[in-house]
Amino acid sequence: MNKYALISVSNKTGIETLAMELESLGYKILSTSNTAKHLKQFCRSLVQVSDYTGFPEILNGRVKTLHPKIHGAILADRDNEQHLRSLEEHGIDHIDIVVVNLYPFANVRMKENASHSEIIENIDIGGPSLIRAAAKNFRNVTVLCDPKDYAPTLEHLKQDSQVPECWSSYLAQKAFALVSHYDAIIAEYLEDFRCDQYPEPEMPPYLDLSCSMHQALRYGENPHQKAAFYTNRPDGWECLHGKELSFNNILDIDASLRAIRLFPEPTVIIIKHCNPCGIGSGNNLAEAYRKAFATDTVAPFGGIVVVNRKLDLETAVMINRIFTEIIIAPGYEDGVMDVLVKKKSRRLISYNPSFLIKPSNTYEIKTMQWGYLAQEWDTVSESIDNWMVPTHRQPTQEEFAAMIYGWKAVSLLKSNAIALAKADQILGLGIGQTSRIDSTSIALWKAKKFHHELSQAICASDGFFPYRDSIDELYQAGVKAVIQPGGSKGDEECIHACDELDMTMIFTGYRHFRH
């Protein structure tokens, strides 16, 4: 009985060496169409699948390997006498090695101007079937779907004529993971073609965290934790300069991009530990940076700066005056990189602003010890038309503009969160405290510490005020306008306090709490 290695691949990396080595070890190479055409120049005894099965490829190649002589040869349990008799009865040899990778569905989907029919044509059918069959029978069959595994598999075969079960089971696990990932990408694509008469469920019945490793990391949040960066959309941003990004760097980059997308005017945001410590806007980036840095002149050291315009030389020189670990911009003007790359450890990131409009992942997911929590993204995109003023005093035009600015800023902070703002600058931040009065006190203390005048400032709160204590403290500091979600049992107490103190307050009807 012959022993075969079936090779059918779209990615032909390293396939010639693998085929020749397998042939030297006594395997006949069984292959399909384009792969066979490629391997004929390297292999002496290559057999076309259509010759082996006695059935031609049909439907423009859609059906090639879906045949009992192929799947029987792969799935037969070599310890089962009935299986072996069945193979002999039907003249089926053993296929001991299956080398398959799949049509590049994800790459074609991402290709500019790819048509729907072209994308659908790149849904592989035979490949996943072969992989699943071989992986199921891993005790008898070796499945290879990653070129990285060719060399170690050949070493095993040279040493003992067969691979150890621990290696073949590892390859099987990897194969099933690949097919699962592949199917999830297709399912995600087809969600866009849901028929209107079948309403979309509130949340999906199945959640597949399907993405591939983009980058192995030195460690996680702490040096003793292993880590890697996984993504299904690696082209949103790229590192142009600097040493390898860390786990915490990537978290900060993500937080920076989530933040900067909210501000259309020239804006600079300084991030520290995923929280803004300075936000400023102006007629240009230089003016915006001065305002952002002025929010808190201590915290930016060792932080991250993100901008929403091409980084110009004047702004770059100002940023360069202190140690800034990461700079993130949609582009860099001529000469800017020359200044910034002199600090070897600094990372320079470029990003595509169009990719910030909508997250590439459908849901925001939180990992628990047992399971996952999934929710829609909070895009902070609600209309301001429904904001309500429950107080006697209406906000001035300047106060209203500052409220819009502060409302965006406070949505970025860990709760309980307070932001003191003008229409183009954040003056004080209170972040992540266990009581809202503490966050208010910290924001006021920060503003005072860095000499900010609060008589024209507003206060934004990500959650409602349960009592008037924060209102009283804000008034004593000179703040006369407040924006908050509303909806507390204490709303009437807070409204009464504002009316008593001649303050104005807006209820947004939305909460942007970040637990």
Protein backbone atom coordinates (compact mmCIF):
# COMPACT_ATOMS: atom_id res chain seq x y z
CA MET A 1 0.00 0.00 0.00
CA ASN A 2 1.30 3.43 -0.92
CA LYS A 3 1.56 6.20 1.64
CA TYR A 4 0.66 9.67 0.45
CA ALA A 5 1.22 13.23 1.50
CA LEU A 6 -1.59 15.44 0.26
CA ILE A 7 -0.45 19.01 -0.47
CA SER A 8 -2.96 21.68 -1.48
CA VAL A 9 -2.02 25.23 -0.53
CA SER A 10 -2.66 28.85 -1.48
CA ASN A 11 0.39 30.08 0.46
CA LYS A 12 3.27 28.18 -1.12
CA THR A 13 5.96 29.36 1.30
CA GLY A 14 8.49 26.54 1.86
CA ILE A 15 6.36 23.99 0.03
CA GLU A 16 9.03 22.90 -2.45
CA THR A 17 11.48 21.89 0.28
CA LEU A 18 8.76 20.09 2.22
CA ALA A 19 7.57 18.15 -0.84
CA MET A 20 11.08 17.07 -1.88
CA GLU A 21 11.98 16.00 1.67
CA LEU A 22 8.76 14.00 2.01
CA GLU A 23 9.37 12.33 -1.33
CA SER A 24 12.88 11.34 -0.19
CA LEU A 25 11.27 9.75 2.89
CA GLY A 26 9.09 7.52 0.69
CA TYR A 27 5.90 9.53 0.41
CA LYS A 28 4.05 9.99 -2.86
CA ILE A 29 2.97 13.59 -3.32
CA LEU A 30 -0.73 14.00 -4.00
CA SER A 31 -1.77 17.46 -5.12
CA THR A 32 -4.39 19.66 -6.77
CA SER A 33 -4.40 22.02 -9.78
CA ASN A 34 -2.18 25.07 -9.11
CA THR A 35 -0.21 23.42 -6.31
CA ALA A 36 0.48 20.39 -8.53
CA LYS A 37 1.57 22.63 -11.39
CA HIS A 38 4.02 24.35 -9.04
CA LEU A 39 5.40 21.14 -7.52
CA LYS A 40 5.86 19.21 -10.76
CA GLN A 41 9.21 20.91 -11.31
CA PHE A 42 10.45 19.64 -7.92
CA CYS A 43 8.86 16.20 -7.47
CA ARG A 44 9.43 13.00 -9.47
CA SER A 45 6.29 11.08 -8.54
CA LEU A 46 3.60 13.71 -8.13
CA VAL A 47 0.02 12.44 -8.53
CA GLN A 48 -2.89 14.71 -9.39
CA VAL A 49 -5.90 14.28 -7.09
CA SER A 50 -8.16 13.91 -10.13
CA ASP A 51 -6.01 10.99 -11.37
CA TYR A 52 -6.05 9.40 -7.91
CA THR A 53 -9.84 9.66 -7.52
CA GLY A 54 -10.72 9.05 -11.16
CA PHE A 55 -12.96 12.09 -11.02
CA PRO A 56 -12.12 15.47 -12.56
CA GLU A 57 -12.15 18.80 -10.80
CA ILE A 58 -15.51 20.43 -11.45
CA LEU A 59 -17.35 23.73 -10.97
CA ASN A 60 -14.27 25.81 -11.83
CA GLY A 61 -12.29 24.09 -9.10
CA ARG A 62 -14.91 24.43 -6.36
CA VAL A 63 -14.94 20.62 -6.05
CA LYS A 64 -11.52 18.97 -6.06
CA THR A 65 -10.89 16.96 -2.90
CA LEU A 66 -14.45 16.28 -1.70
CA HIS A 67 -14.31 12.57 -2.59
CA PRO A 68 -14.51 9.29 -0.56
CA LYS A 69 -11.09 8.18 -1.81
CA ILE A 70 -9.60 11.32 -0.26
CA HIS A 71 -11.53 11.54 2.97
CA GLY A 72 -11.59 7.78 3.48
CA ALA A 73 -7.78 7.74 3.15
CA ILE A 74 -7.51 10.48 5.78
CA LEU A 75 -10.21 9.45 8.26
CA ALA A 76 -9.55 5.70 8.47
CA ASP A 77 -8.51 4.54 11.95
CA ARG A 78 -5.43 2.40 11.33
CA ASP A 79 -6.16 0.34 14.49
CA ASN A 80 -9.67 -0.53 13.29
CA GLU A 81 -9.74 -3.74 11.20
CA GLN A 82 -13.11 -2.89 9.71
CA HIS A 83 -11.74 0.48 8.49
CA LEU A 84 -8.70 -1.20 6.97
CA ARG A 85 -10.83 -3.82 5.18
CA SER A 86 -13.01 -1.03 3.79
CA LEU A 87 -9.95 0.78 2.41
CA GLU A 88 -8.71 -2.42 0.79
CA GLU A 89 -12.12 -3.22 -0.66
CA HIS A 90 -12.35 0.17 -2.35
CA GLY A 91 -8.70 0.42 -3.39
CA ILE A 92 -7.94 3.35 -1.11
CA ASP A 93 -4.37 4.01 0.06
CA HIS A 94 -3.34 5.83 3.24
CA ILE A 95 -2.91 9.58 3.30
CA ASP A 96 -0.59 10.07 6.27
CA ILE A 97 0.20 13.77 5.89
CA VAL A 98 -2.16 16.58 4.94
CA VAL A 99 -0.61 19.95 4.09
CA VAL A 100 -3.31 22.57 3.57
CA ASN A 101 -3.71 26.28 4.07
CA LEU A 102 -6.84 28.13 3.13
CA TYR A 103 -7.96 30.56 0.45
CA PRO A 104 -6.97 34.07 1.57
CA PHE A 105 -10.52 35.20 2.41
CA ALA A 106 -9.45 37.88 4.91
CA ASN A 107 -6.86 39.39 2.54
CA VAL A 108 -9.28 39.51 -0.37
CA ARG A 109 -11.97 41.03 1.84
CA MET A 110 -9.59 43.83 2.85
CA LYS A 111 -8.42 44.43 -0.72
CA GLU A 112 -9.45 47.77 -2.14
CA ASN A 113 -12.31 47.47 -4.64
CA ALA A 114 -12.78 43.72 -4.05
CA SER A 115 -16.21 42.70 -5.33
CA HIS A 116 -18.69 40.71 -3.25
CA SER A 117 -18.52 37.78 -5.71
CA GLU A 118 -14.71 37.76 -5.55
CA ILE A 119 -14.83 37.70 -1.75
CA ILE A 120 -17.39 34.87 -1.72
CA GLU A 121 -15.31 32.87 -4.20
CA ASN A 122 -12.48 32.95 -1.67
CA ILE A 123 -14.49 31.02 0.91
CA ASP A 124 -12.59 27.74 1.06
CA ILE A 125 -14.71 24.59 1.34
CA GLY A 126 -12.43 21.66 0.58
CA GLY A 127 -9.54 23.04 2.63
CA PRO A 128 -11.37 23.22 5.98
CA SER A 129 -12.86 19.77 5.30
CA LEU A 130 -9.41 18.29 4.76
CA ILE A 131 -7.98 20.04 7.80
CA ARG A 132 -10.82 18.93 10.08
CA ALA A 133 -10.63 15.33 8.82
CA ALA A 134 -6.87 15.13 9.34
CA ALA A 135 -7.02 16.86 12.72
CA LYS A 136 -9.77 14.50 13.94
CA ASN A 137 -7.57 11.52 13.04
CA PHE A 138 -4.37 13.03 14.48
CA ARG A 139 -3.30 9.66 15.95
CA ASN A 140 -2.79 8.43 12.38
CA VAL A 141 -2.46 11.57 10.27
CA THR A 142 -0.24 14.65 10.54
CA VAL A 143 -1.93 17.92 9.57
CA LEU A 144 0.18 20.92 8.59
CA CYS A 145 -1.46 24.31 8.06
CA ASP A 146 1.40 26.62 9.08
CA PRO A 147 4.75 26.77 7.21
CA LYS A 148 6.51 27.27 10.57
CA ASP A 149 5.70 23.63 11.39
CA TYR A 150 7.23 22.08 8.25
CA ALA A 151 10.84 21.89 9.49
CA PRO A 152 10.18 20.40 12.98
CA THR A 153 7.79 17.85 11.44
CA LEU A 154 10.43 16.75 8.96
CA GLU A 155 12.91 16.35 11.82
CA HIS A 156 10.48 14.03 13.62
CA LEU A 157 9.94 11.99 10.46
CA LYS A 158 13.67 11.65 9.84
CA GLN A 159 14.31 10.47 13.38
CA ASP A 160 11.50 7.95 13.77
CA SER A 161 9.59 7.68 10.44
CA GLN A 162 6.52 9.08 12.20
CA VAL A 163 5.71 12.04 14.38
CA PRO A 164 5.07 11.57 18.12
CA GLU A 165 1.44 11.83 19.16
CA CYS A 166 2.14 14.86 21.37
CA TRP A 167 3.32 16.76 18.28
CA SER A 168 0.48 15.60 16.04
CA SER A 169 -2.11 16.51 18.71
CA TYR A 170 -0.53 19.98 18.96
CA LEU A 171 -0.81 20.35 15.19
CA ALA A 172 -4.44 19.20 15.34
CA GLN A 173 -5.30 21.79 17.99
CA LYS A 174 -3.66 24.46 15.88
CA ALA A 175 -5.59 23.27 12.82
CA PHE A 176 -8.99 23.40 14.52
CA ALA A 177 -8.16 26.88 15.85
CA LEU A 178 -7.32 28.02 12.31
CA VAL A 179 -10.61 26.72 10.89
CA SER A 180 -12.56 28.29 13.75
CA HIS A 181 -10.86 31.64 13.10
CA TYR A 182 -11.49 31.35 9.37
CA ASP A 183 -15.19 30.61 9.79
CA ALA A 184 -15.61 33.47 12.26
CA ILE A 185 -14.18 35.98 9.76
CA ILE A 186 -16.62 34.76 7.10
CA ALA A 187 -19.57 34.93 9.53
CA GLU A 188 -18.59 38.48 10.48
CA TYR A 189 -18.49 39.51 6.82
CA LEU A 190 -21.89 37.99 6.09
CA GLU A 191 -23.45 39.92 8.99
CA ASP A 192 -23.43 42.92 6.67
CA PHE A 193 -25.85 41.09 4.36
CA ARG A 194 -28.48 40.32 6.98
CA CYS A 195 -31.96 40.58 5.43
CA ASP A 196 -34.04 43.41 6.87
CA GLN A 197 -37.05 41.18 7.47
CA TYR A 198 -35.01 39.17 9.99
CA PRO A 199 -34.17 41.65 12.76
CA GLU A 200 -30.72 41.60 14.23
CA PRO A 201 -30.70 40.07 17.73
CA GLU A 202 -29.95 42.47 20.56
CA MET A 203 -26.72 40.55 21.20
CA PRO A 204 -25.20 37.67 19.20
CA PRO A 205 -26.06 34.12 20.35
CA TYR A 206 -22.41 33.12 19.86
CA LEU A 207 -19.31 35.15 20.55
CA ASP A 208 -16.12 34.26 18.73
CA LEU A 209 -12.91 36.02 19.74
CA SER A 210 -11.29 35.26 16.44
CA CYS A 211 -8.01 36.97 15.68
CA SER A 212 -4.42 35.98 15.12
CA MET A 213 -1.20 36.85 16.91
CA HIS A 214 0.21 40.03 15.43
CA GLN A 215 3.12 40.47 17.81
CA ALA A 216 4.70 38.51 20.66
CA LEU A 217 5.46 40.85 23.57
CA ARG A 218 8.30 40.73 26.07
CA TYR A 219 5.80 40.53 28.93
CA GLY A 220 2.39 41.76 30.07
CA GLU A 221 1.44 44.48 32.54
CA ASN A 222 4.20 43.09 34.80
CA PRO A 223 7.45 41.28 33.90
CA HIS A 224 6.27 37.91 35.22
CA GLN A 225 3.25 37.80 32.84
CA LYS A 226 3.53 36.34 29.33
CA ALA A 227 1.75 38.39 26.67
CA ALA A 228 1.07 38.92 22.97
CA PHE A 229 -0.92 41.33 20.82
CA TYR A 230 -3.72 39.72 18.79
CA THR A 231 -5.74 41.53 16.16
CA ASN A 232 -7.99 41.05 13.16
CA ARG A 233 -7.13 44.51 11.79
CA PRO A 234 -3.39 45.24 11.97
CA ASP A 235 -3.44 48.24 9.64
CA GLY A 236 -5.03 50.91 11.87
CA TRP A 237 -1.70 52.20 13.17
CA GLU A 238 2.00 51.41 12.86
CA CYS A 239 5.17 52.06 14.80
CA LEU A 240 7.59 54.10 12.67
CA HIS A 241 10.43 54.36 15.17
CA GLY A 242 11.55 53.18 18.57
CA LYS A 243 12.10 50.03 20.54
CA GLU A 244 9.59 47.20 20.73
CA LEU A 245 6.16 48.15 22.04
CA SER A 246 5.13 46.74 25.39
CA PHE A 247 1.75 45.49 26.60
CA ASN A 248 1.16 48.74 28.48
CA ASN A 249 2.29 50.83 25.48
CA ILE A 250 -0.38 49.20 23.31
CA LEU A 251 -3.05 49.83 25.96
CA ASP A 252 -2.03 53.49 26.04
CA ILE A 253 -2.06 53.76 22.24
CA ASP A 254 -5.58 52.34 22.15
CA ALA A 255 -6.76 54.74 24.87
CA SER A 256 -5.16 57.64 22.97
CA LEU A 257 -6.92 56.81 19.72
CA ARG A 258 -10.26 56.33 21.46
CA ALA A 259 -9.82 59.80 22.95
CA ILE A 260 -8.59 61.83 19.99
CA ARG A 261 -11.43 60.72 17.71
CA LEU A 262 -13.89 62.84 19.75
CA PHE A 263 -12.28 66.18 18.89
CA PRO A 264 -12.58 67.62 15.34
CA GLU A 265 -10.62 70.85 15.96
CA PRO A 266 -6.79 70.80 16.22
CA THR A 267 -6.35 68.96 19.51
CA VAL A 268 -3.60 67.50 21.66
CA ILE A 269 -4.29 64.93 24.38
CA ILE A 270 -1.67 63.76 26.87
CA ILE A 271 -2.31 60.26 28.21
CA LYS A 272 -0.91 58.60 31.31
CA HIS A 273 -1.89 55.05 32.30
CA CYS A 274 -4.80 55.09 29.82
CA ASN A 275 -6.30 58.27 31.33
CA PRO A 276 -5.97 61.78 29.91
CA CYS A 277 -3.94 64.13 32.11
CA GLY A 278 -4.20 67.06 29.68
CA ILE A 279 -6.48 68.05 26.82
CA GLY A 280 -6.27 71.23 24.77
CA SER A 281 -7.55 72.55 21.45
CA GLY A 282 -6.62 75.61 19.42
CA ASN A 283 -6.16 77.12 15.99
CA ASN A 284 -3.11 74.88 15.50
CA LEU A 285 -1.32 72.04 17.29
CA ALA A 286 1.23 74.28 18.97
CA GLU A 287 -1.51 76.27 20.69
CA ALA A 288 -3.35 73.05 21.54
CA TYR A 289 -0.22 71.47 23.05
CA ARG A 290 0.43 74.49 25.29
CA LYS A 291 -3.10 74.20 26.67
CA ALA A 292 -2.92 70.42 27.11
CA PHE A 293 0.43 70.62 28.89
CA ALA A 294 -0.86 73.43 31.13
CA THR A 295 -3.66 71.20 32.46
CA ASP A 296 -1.11 69.41 34.63
CA THR A 297 2.58 70.23 34.09
CA VAL A 298 3.87 67.32 36.18
CA ALA A 299 1.92 64.29 34.89
CA PRO A 300 3.05 64.49 31.20
CA PHE A 301 6.61 63.33 32.03
CA GLY A 302 6.94 59.81 30.59
CA GLY A 303 3.48 60.04 29.05
CA ILE A 304 1.92 59.69 25.62
CA VAL A 305 0.99 62.58 23.32
CA VAL A 306 -1.63 62.11 20.61
CA VAL A 307 -2.59 64.76 18.02
CA ASN A 308 -5.21 64.87 15.27
CA ARG A 309 -3.28 66.81 12.63
CA LYS A 310 0.06 66.20 10.91
CA LEU A 311 2.68 66.91 13.56
CA ASP A 312 4.52 70.14 12.72
CA LEU A 313 8.04 71.13 13.76
CA GLU A 314 7.03 73.83 16.27
CA THR A 315 4.82 71.42 18.21
CA ALA A 316 7.37 68.61 17.95
CA VAL A 317 10.07 70.80 19.50
CA MET A 318 7.78 71.62 22.44
CA ILE A 319 6.93 67.96 22.97
CA ASN A 320 10.62 67.13 22.77
CA ARG A 321 11.47 69.33 25.77
CA ILE A 322 10.37 66.64 28.21
CA PHE A 323 10.61 62.87 28.13
CA THR A 324 7.61 61.67 26.13
CA GLU A 325 7.49 57.91 25.68
CA ILE A 326 5.12 57.73 22.69
CA ILE A 327 4.00 60.30 20.13
CA ILE A 328 0.96 59.44 18.00
CA ALA A 329 0.01 61.44 14.90
CA PRO A 330 -1.80 60.90 11.60
CA GLY A 331 1.39 62.06 9.88
CA TYR A 332 4.66 63.95 10.37
CA GLU A 333 5.67 67.04 8.41
CA ASP A 334 9.08 67.24 6.75
CA GLY A 335 11.94 67.47 9.24
CA VAL A 336 9.87 66.43 12.27
CA MET A 337 11.04 62.82 12.30
CA ASP A 338 14.67 64.00 12.15
CA VAL A 339 14.17 65.82 15.47
CA LEU A 340 12.19 63.12 17.23
CA VAL A 341 14.18 60.00 16.28
CA LYS A 342 17.25 61.27 18.14
CA LYS A 343 15.74 59.73 21.26
CA LYS A 344 16.14 56.05 20.45
CA SER A 345 13.75 54.71 23.09
CA ARG A 346 10.85 56.94 22.05
CA ARG A 347 8.14 55.33 19.93
CA LEU A 348 6.63 57.24 17.01
CA ILE A 349 3.24 56.00 15.86
CA SER A 350 1.25 56.94 12.77
CA TYR A 351 -2.45 56.21 12.43
CA ASN A 352 -5.19 56.40 9.83
CA PRO A 353 -7.92 58.79 11.09
CA SER A 354 -10.58 57.14 8.91
CA PHE A 355 -10.19 53.93 10.94
CA LEU A 356 -11.24 55.75 14.12
CA ILE A 357 -14.78 56.42 12.91
CA LYS A 358 -16.00 52.94 13.85
CA PRO A 359 -14.26 50.20 15.88
CA SER A 360 -13.22 47.26 13.73
CA ASN A 361 -14.50 44.90 16.44
CA THR A 362 -18.28 44.76 16.68
CA TYR A 363 -18.39 44.57 20.47
CA GLU A 364 -16.31 45.70 23.39
CA ILE A 365 -15.32 42.63 25.40
CA LYS A 366 -14.20 42.25 29.00
CA THR A 367 -12.46 39.05 30.06
CA MET A 368 -13.46 37.38 33.34
CA GLN A 369 -12.09 34.31 35.10
CA TRP A 370 -15.09 32.36 33.79
CA GLY A 371 -16.37 33.79 30.55
CA TYR A 372 -16.64 37.16 28.88
CA LEU A 373 -18.82 40.23 29.06
CA ALA A 374 -19.70 41.87 25.76
CA GLN A 375 -21.38 45.19 25.09
CA GLU A 376 -21.92 47.70 22.34
CA TRP A 377 -19.25 50.39 22.15
CA ASP A 378 -19.94 53.67 23.89
CA THR A 379 -19.12 55.98 21.00
CA VAL A 380 -20.21 59.18 22.83
CA SER A 381 -22.19 60.16 19.76
CA GLU A 382 -25.58 61.07 21.18
CA SER A 383 -27.30 64.25 20.01
CA ILE A 384 -27.16 67.32 22.24
CA ASP A 385 -30.66 68.31 21.08
CA ASN A 386 -32.20 66.42 23.98
CA TRP A 387 -30.08 67.99 26.70
CA MET A 388 -32.30 69.62 29.32
CA VAL A 389 -31.72 72.61 31.58
CA PRO A 390 -33.69 72.00 34.83
CA THR A 391 -32.34 75.11 36.60
CA HIS A 392 -33.63 78.67 36.51
CA ARG A 393 -30.42 80.02 35.03
CA GLN A 394 -29.67 79.03 31.44
CA PRO A 395 -26.04 78.45 30.37
CA THR A 396 -24.30 81.23 28.50
CA GLN A 397 -22.99 80.51 25.01
CA GLU A 398 -19.45 80.19 26.42
CA GLU A 399 -20.60 77.85 29.19
CA PHE A 400 -22.53 75.67 26.73
CA ALA A 401 -19.45 75.30 24.48
CA ALA A 402 -17.38 74.39 27.53
CA MET A 403 -20.01 71.83 28.57
CA ILE A 404 -19.75 70.11 25.19
CA TYR A 405 -15.96 70.00 25.52
CA GLY A 406 -16.03 68.79 29.14
CA TRP A 407 -18.66 66.15 28.37
CA LYS A 408 -16.37 64.58 25.76
CA ALA A 409 -13.41 64.70 28.12
CA VAL A 410 -15.16 63.17 31.13
CA SER A 411 -16.37 60.24 29.00
CA LEU A 412 -12.72 59.15 28.64
CA LEU A 413 -11.96 58.94 32.35
CA LYS A 414 -12.22 56.05 34.78
CA SER A 415 -15.19 56.52 37.07
CA ASN A 416 -16.08 58.22 39.30
CA ALA A 417 -14.93 61.03 37.03
CA ILE A 418 -14.98 64.82 37.12
CA ALA A 419 -13.61 67.21 34.47
CA LEU A 420 -13.28 70.97 34.88
CA ALA A 421 -13.25 72.57 31.46
CA LYS A 422 -13.30 75.63 29.28
CA ALA A 423 -14.41 75.48 25.65
CA ASP A 424 -10.91 74.53 24.47
CA GLN A 425 -9.02 73.20 27.51
CA ILE A 426 -9.30 70.90 30.50
CA LEU A 427 -8.34 72.58 33.77
CA GLY A 428 -8.67 69.82 36.33
CA LEU A 429 -9.43 66.10 36.44
CA GLY A 430 -10.66 63.79 39.17
CA ILE A 431 -10.34 60.16 38.13
CA GLY A 432 -11.32 56.74 39.45
CA GLN A 433 -12.29 57.58 43.01
CA THR A 434 -14.74 55.58 45.12
CA SER A 435 -16.90 58.64 45.78
CA ARG A 436 -17.86 61.48 43.49
CA ILE A 437 -17.14 64.12 46.13
CA ASP A 438 -13.54 62.84 46.28
CA SER A 439 -13.21 63.12 42.48
CA THR A 440 -14.62 66.67 42.67
CA SER A 441 -12.17 67.63 45.41
CA ILE A 442 -9.21 66.18 43.48
CA ALA A 443 -10.19 67.98 40.26
CA LEU A 444 -10.47 71.28 42.14
CA TRP A 445 -7.17 70.67 43.96
CA LYS A 446 -5.41 69.88 40.66
CA ALA A 447 -6.79 73.04 39.03
CA LYS A 448 -5.65 75.16 41.99
CA LYS A 449 -2.23 73.47 42.06
CA PHE A 450 -1.57 74.45 38.44
CA HIS A 451 -2.99 77.97 38.85
CA HIS A 452 -6.12 77.68 36.72
CA GLU A 453 -8.82 80.32 37.04
CA LEU A 454 -12.18 78.58 37.48
CA SER A 455 -14.63 81.46 37.36
CA GLN A 456 -15.33 80.71 33.68
CA ALA A 457 -15.00 76.93 34.03
CA ILE A 458 -17.71 74.27 33.94
CA CYS A 459 -17.81 70.92 35.73
CA ALA A 460 -18.65 67.71 33.83
CA SER A 461 -19.54 64.56 35.75
CA ASP A 462 -19.75 61.14 34.08
CA GLY A 463 -22.44 60.01 36.54
CA PHE A 464 -25.16 61.82 38.44
CA PHE A 465 -24.57 63.77 41.66
CA PRO A 466 -26.40 61.94 44.45
CA TYR A 467 -26.20 64.93 46.85
CA ARG A 468 -25.59 68.67 46.73
CA ASP A 469 -22.19 68.45 48.49
CA SER A 470 -20.27 68.54 45.20
CA ILE A 471 -22.41 71.45 43.94
CA ASP A 472 -21.55 73.46 47.06
CA GLU A 473 -17.84 72.71 46.74
CA LEU A 474 -17.82 73.69 43.05
CA TYR A 475 -19.56 76.99 43.84
CA GLN A 476 -17.01 77.84 46.52
CA ALA A 477 -14.25 77.34 43.90
CA GLY A 478 -15.96 79.71 41.46
CA VAL A 479 -17.57 77.16 39.11
CA LYS A 480 -21.06 78.29 38.01
CA ALA A 481 -22.09 75.60 35.47
CA VAL A 482 -22.49 71.83 35.71
CA ILE A 483 -23.26 69.09 33.19
CA GLN A 484 -24.26 65.61 34.36
CA PRO A 485 -26.50 62.70 33.25
CA GLY A 486 -29.27 63.29 35.79
CA GLY A 487 -31.55 60.48 36.93
CA SER A 488 -30.68 60.40 40.64
CA LYS A 489 -33.10 60.44 43.55
CA GLY A 490 -31.05 63.46 44.59
CA ASP A 491 -31.73 65.42 41.39
CA GLU A 492 -34.19 67.79 43.07
CA GLU A 493 -31.69 68.53 45.85
CA CYS A 494 -29.00 69.36 43.25
CA ILE A 495 -31.40 71.50 41.17
CA HIS A 496 -32.46 73.38 44.30
CA ALA A 497 -28.79 73.95 45.24
CA CYS A 498 -27.99 75.35 41.77
CA ASP A 499 -31.03 77.66 41.88
CA GLU A 500 -30.08 78.82 45.36
CA LEU A 501 -26.52 79.59 44.22
CA ASP A 502 -27.50 81.03 40.80
CA MET A 503 -25.72 78.19 38.98
CA THR A 504 -26.79 76.51 35.76
CA MET A 505 -26.97 72.77 35.17
CA ILE A 506 -27.64 70.50 32.19
CA PHE A 507 -29.05 66.97 32.34
CA THR A 508 -27.83 65.01 29.30
CA GLY A 509 -29.94 61.89 29.83
CA TYR A 510 -26.83 59.84 28.99
CA ARG A 511 -24.21 58.35 31.26
CA HIS A 512 -20.64 57.64 30.12
CA PHE A 513 -19.50 55.67 33.14
CA ARG A 514 -16.31 53.57 32.82
CA HIS A 515 -16.25 50.96 35.56
